[in-house]
Amino acid sequence: MAYRIHLENFEGPLDLLLYFIQRDQIDIYDIPIAHITSEYLSYLDLMESLSLTVAGEFILLAATLMHIKARMLLPRPEPTEDEPIDDPRRELVQLLVEYQHIKAAAERLRQLGEQRRTQYPRGIVITQGGNGVDPGEYLQDVSLYQLMAVFKEVMDRRPRNEPLRVQAEPIRLDESIRAIQRAFGSGGRITFREVLRKVHHIPELVVTFLAVLELMRQGVITVEQGAPFAEIYLHKVAAN
């Protein structure tokens, strides 16, 4: 049985491209299309193998990247002063730059909103609401792509010739969820890598990854990352 989880709060295809650019410290005005296209398609394959819903916009951007790659492979005339060579990447670069500006503006508005939340009219009684979790405790949000990067790293390190093991009982999502909750023990924090390392077979790895996403969706756990590409921690949310 395939477990399909669609997480609407995660970002779109341009965020995935920006993730690659930031991770590999690429000049946004000189994108290596072959490399980026290969990385992008490998992540789409991983998303499909996990039965995550791949929206049409992801597929459209994949087609755009392959089109740009094909254009760059074609022979081009020598540039002249009157007619400089048109870079096939130009429109994509402009789109990414504009998207970065929009994200930066949205982040600034979010920060202003957070600052406004700390200001209260005189006489108001402040009570702790929600699930009791202090948002300031977490340094930054962790995206689906960052979780997938760790998962892909663990998968890539496994032996390629690992024999397929036929299980008498199917691997259940609810069992993986309970296993993750037990992994916290008496503490409230565990690394994402540690969760994956407790699993020995590829089918279990896939279901464990989906179980982490499901626990995030339900608000049972939150994720924390102190800096870009640093260790990712899972936090158990205290019950009300």
Protein backbone atom coordinates (compact mmCIF):
# COMPACT_ATOMS: atom_id res chain seq x y z
CA MET A 1 0.00 0.00 0.00
CA ALA A 2 1.42 3.44 -0.92
CA TYR A 3 1.13 6.20 1.66
CA ARG A 4 0.51 9.51 -0.09
CA ILE A 5 1.18 12.65 1.90
CA HIS A 6 0.67 16.11 0.39
CA LEU A 7 2.13 18.96 2.41
CA GLU A 8 0.77 22.26 1.11
CA ASN A 9 2.99 24.42 3.32
CA PHE A 10 6.23 23.37 1.65
CA GLU A 11 7.73 25.50 -1.09
CA GLY A 12 7.50 25.25 -4.86
CA PRO A 13 9.97 24.50 -7.66
CA LEU A 14 11.78 27.86 -7.54
CA ASP A 15 12.59 27.26 -3.87
CA LEU A 16 14.11 23.92 -4.84
CA LEU A 17 16.34 25.62 -7.42
CA LEU A 18 17.37 28.29 -4.91
CA TYR A 19 18.16 25.53 -2.42
CA PHE A 20 20.64 23.97 -4.89
CA ILE A 21 22.17 27.37 -5.70
CA GLN A 22 22.69 28.22 -2.02
CA ARG A 23 23.89 24.73 -1.09
CA ASP A 24 26.51 24.58 -3.85
CA GLN A 25 27.37 28.32 -3.58
CA ILE A 26 26.56 28.89 -7.25
CA ASP A 27 26.59 32.31 -8.90
CA ILE A 28 22.94 32.88 -9.74
CA TYR A 29 24.00 34.78 -12.89
CA ASP A 30 26.12 31.85 -14.13
CA ILE A 31 24.06 28.75 -13.36
CA PRO A 32 25.59 25.44 -14.54
CA ILE A 33 22.42 24.18 -16.22
CA ALA A 34 23.59 20.57 -16.70
CA HIS A 35 24.41 20.22 -12.99
CA ILE A 36 21.24 21.95 -11.77
CA THR A 37 19.03 19.95 -14.16
CA SER A 38 20.56 16.66 -12.98
CA GLU A 39 20.06 17.60 -9.31
CA TYR A 40 16.50 18.79 -9.92
CA LEU A 41 15.46 15.61 -11.76
CA SER A 42 17.05 13.39 -9.10
CA TYR A 43 14.95 15.12 -6.42
CA LEU A 44 11.79 14.73 -8.51
CA ASP A 45 12.55 11.01 -8.82
CA LEU A 46 13.03 10.82 -5.05
CA MET A 47 9.73 12.63 -4.42
CA GLU A 48 7.91 10.24 -6.75
CA SER A 49 9.53 7.19 -5.12
CA LEU A 50 8.24 8.46 -1.76
CA SER A 51 4.74 8.85 -3.25
CA LEU A 52 4.81 12.58 -2.54
CA THR A 53 2.47 14.58 -4.73
CA VAL A 54 4.51 16.25 -7.49
CA ALA A 55 2.59 19.29 -8.75
CA GLY A 56 2.46 20.22 -12.41
CA GLU A 57 4.59 23.32 -11.75
CA PHE A 58 7.51 21.08 -10.75
CA ILE A 59 7.19 19.12 -13.99
CA LEU A 60 6.89 22.34 -16.01
CA LEU A 61 10.11 23.70 -14.52
CA ALA A 62 11.84 20.38 -15.20
CA ALA A 63 10.82 20.67 -18.86
CA THR A 64 12.06 24.28 -18.91
CA LEU A 65 15.45 23.25 -17.51
CA MET A 66 15.82 20.48 -20.10
CA HIS A 67 14.85 22.92 -22.86
CA ILE A 68 17.50 25.41 -21.70
CA LYS A 69 20.06 22.61 -21.46
CA ALA A 70 19.30 21.52 -25.04
CA ARG A 71 19.61 25.11 -26.32
CA MET A 72 22.98 25.52 -24.63
CA LEU A 73 24.27 22.34 -26.30
CA LEU A 74 23.50 23.69 -29.76
CA PRO A 75 26.32 25.50 -31.63
CA ARG A 76 26.00 29.26 -31.38
CA PRO A 77 27.52 31.97 -33.61
CA GLU A 78 30.34 34.13 -32.33
CA PRO A 79 29.09 37.24 -30.50
CA THR A 80 29.46 40.63 -32.13
CA GLU A 81 29.16 44.18 -30.79
CA ASP A 82 25.92 44.71 -32.70
CA GLU A 83 24.33 41.34 -31.86
CA PRO A 84 25.48 39.83 -28.56
CA ILE A 85 24.64 36.19 -28.02
CA ASP A 86 21.38 35.68 -26.14
CA ASP A 87 21.94 33.51 -23.06
CA PRO A 88 19.20 30.80 -22.85
CA ARG A 89 19.41 31.08 -19.05
CA ARG A 90 18.53 34.79 -19.01
CA GLU A 91 14.77 34.47 -18.37
CA LEU A 92 15.30 31.82 -15.67
CA VAL A 93 17.91 34.00 -13.93
CA GLN A 94 15.57 37.00 -14.01
CA LEU A 95 12.76 34.89 -12.58
CA LEU A 96 14.98 33.60 -9.76
CA VAL A 97 16.28 37.07 -8.91
CA GLU A 98 12.75 38.50 -8.79
CA TYR A 99 11.61 35.55 -6.68
CA GLN A 100 14.48 36.15 -4.25
CA HIS A 101 13.39 39.77 -3.90
CA ILE A 102 9.81 38.68 -3.21
CA LYS A 103 10.97 36.15 -0.61
CA ALA A 104 13.17 38.76 1.06
CA ALA A 105 10.23 41.19 1.21
CA ALA A 106 7.95 38.47 2.60
CA GLU A 107 10.56 37.60 5.24
CA ARG A 108 10.83 41.25 6.22
CA LEU A 109 7.05 41.46 6.61
CA ARG A 110 7.13 38.28 8.69
CA GLN A 111 9.79 39.78 10.96
CA LEU A 112 7.76 42.97 11.35
CA GLY A 113 4.75 40.84 12.25
CA GLU A 114 6.80 38.97 14.87
CA GLN A 115 7.98 42.29 16.34
CA ARG A 116 4.39 43.56 16.45
CA ARG A 117 3.31 40.44 18.32
CA THR A 118 5.64 41.41 21.19
CA GLN A 119 3.90 44.75 21.63
CA TYR A 120 0.75 44.75 23.76
CA PRO A 121 -1.69 47.51 24.69
CA ARG A 122 -1.57 48.70 28.30
CA GLY A 123 -3.65 46.52 30.61
CA ILE A 124 -3.71 43.38 28.47
CA VAL A 125 -3.24 40.04 30.26
CA ILE A 126 -0.69 37.88 28.45
CA THR A 127 -1.37 34.14 28.58
CA GLN A 128 0.55 31.32 26.95
CA GLY A 129 -1.61 29.78 24.25
CA GLY A 130 -1.36 27.12 21.58
CA ASN A 131 0.66 24.05 22.43
CA GLY A 132 3.02 25.88 24.78
CA VAL A 133 5.94 25.93 22.34
CA ASP A 134 7.96 29.14 22.26
CA PRO A 135 8.50 30.08 18.58
CA GLY A 136 11.71 31.89 19.54
CA GLU A 137 13.22 28.57 20.60
CA TYR A 138 13.63 27.54 16.98
CA LEU A 139 16.26 29.37 14.97
CA GLN A 140 14.76 28.75 11.54
CA ASP A 141 12.22 26.63 9.71
CA VAL A 142 13.38 23.49 7.96
CA SER A 143 12.02 22.86 4.49
CA LEU A 144 11.03 19.58 2.91
CA TYR A 145 14.08 19.82 0.64
CA GLN A 146 16.46 19.97 3.61
CA LEU A 147 14.85 16.85 5.09
CA MET A 148 15.04 15.16 1.69
CA ALA A 149 18.74 16.08 1.40
CA VAL A 150 19.53 14.16 4.61
CA PHE A 151 17.33 11.26 3.53
CA LYS A 152 19.00 11.15 0.09
CA GLU A 153 22.44 11.22 1.72
CA VAL A 154 21.56 8.20 3.88
CA MET A 155 20.10 6.35 0.87
CA ASP A 156 23.15 7.09 -1.32
CA ARG A 157 25.50 5.66 1.31
CA ARG A 158 23.73 2.30 1.40
CA PRO A 159 25.21 -0.57 -0.67
CA ARG A 160 23.78 -0.62 -4.19
CA ASN A 161 23.68 -4.42 -4.26
CA GLU A 162 21.60 -4.78 -1.12
CA PRO A 163 19.38 -7.84 -1.70
CA LEU A 164 15.63 -7.36 -1.66
CA ARG A 165 14.15 -8.82 1.52
CA VAL A 166 10.59 -10.10 1.28
CA GLN A 167 8.73 -9.17 4.45
CA ALA A 168 6.05 -11.47 5.79
CA GLU A 169 4.27 -8.46 7.29
CA PRO A 170 3.87 -5.10 5.51
CA ILE A 171 5.67 -2.10 6.97
CA ARG A 172 3.02 0.08 8.52
CA LEU A 173 3.13 3.85 8.79
CA ASP A 174 1.55 3.86 12.25
CA GLU A 175 4.22 1.45 13.54
CA SER A 176 6.99 3.73 12.22
CA ILE A 177 5.31 6.71 13.90
CA ARG A 178 5.30 4.89 17.25
CA ALA A 179 8.95 3.86 16.75
CA ILE A 180 9.95 7.50 16.22
CA GLN A 181 8.03 8.57 19.31
CA ARG A 182 9.80 5.86 21.34
CA ALA A 183 13.16 7.01 19.99
CA PHE A 184 12.81 10.27 21.93
CA GLY A 185 12.91 8.29 25.16
CA SER A 186 12.77 10.61 28.15
CA GLY A 187 14.25 13.49 26.15
CA GLY A 188 12.53 15.92 23.87
CA ARG A 189 15.03 16.12 21.03
CA ILE A 190 16.68 13.71 18.57
CA THR A 191 18.58 14.22 15.33
CA PHE A 192 16.95 13.34 12.02
CA ARG A 193 20.02 11.30 11.03
CA GLU A 194 19.77 9.30 14.25
CA VAL A 195 16.17 8.38 13.42
CA LEU A 196 17.17 7.14 9.96
CA ARG A 197 20.20 5.22 11.26
CA LYS A 198 17.97 3.11 13.49
CA VAL A 199 16.41 1.63 10.32
CA HIS A 200 18.21 -1.12 8.40
CA HIS A 201 16.31 -1.70 5.15
CA ILE A 202 15.33 0.62 2.32
CA PRO A 203 11.53 0.03 2.51
CA GLU A 204 11.67 0.86 6.22
CA LEU A 205 13.70 4.00 5.47
CA VAL A 206 11.04 5.24 3.07
CA VAL A 207 8.19 4.63 5.53
CA THR A 208 10.22 6.21 8.37
CA PHE A 209 10.73 9.34 6.28
CA LEU A 210 6.99 9.51 5.57
CA ALA A 211 6.30 8.99 9.28
CA VAL A 212 8.44 12.04 10.13
CA LEU A 213 6.47 14.14 7.62
CA GLU A 214 3.17 12.87 9.03
CA LEU A 215 4.21 13.73 12.60
CA MET A 216 5.16 17.22 11.41
CA ARG A 217 1.81 17.59 9.65
CA GLN A 218 -0.05 16.57 12.82
CA GLY A 219 1.97 19.03 14.93
CA VAL A 220 3.34 16.23 17.13
CA ILE A 221 6.95 17.20 16.36
CA THR A 222 8.73 20.28 15.08
CA VAL A 223 12.09 20.57 13.35
CA GLU A 224 15.02 22.86 14.07
CA GLN A 225 18.22 23.67 12.20
CA GLY A 226 20.71 26.08 13.73
CA ALA A 227 22.28 27.16 10.42
CA PRO A 228 21.87 26.33 6.72
CA PHE A 229 22.92 22.72 6.01
CA ALA A 230 23.65 22.07 9.70
CA GLU A 231 22.31 19.13 11.73
CA ILE A 232 18.51 18.83 11.74
CA TYR A 233 16.82 18.11 15.06
CA LEU A 234 13.35 16.76 15.75
CA HIS A 235 11.57 18.20 18.80
CA LYS A 236 8.70 16.52 20.56
CA VAL A 237 5.89 19.03 21.14
CA ALA A 238 4.64 19.04 24.72
CA ALA A 239 1.01 18.05 25.14
CA ASN A 240 -1.44 20.71 26.32
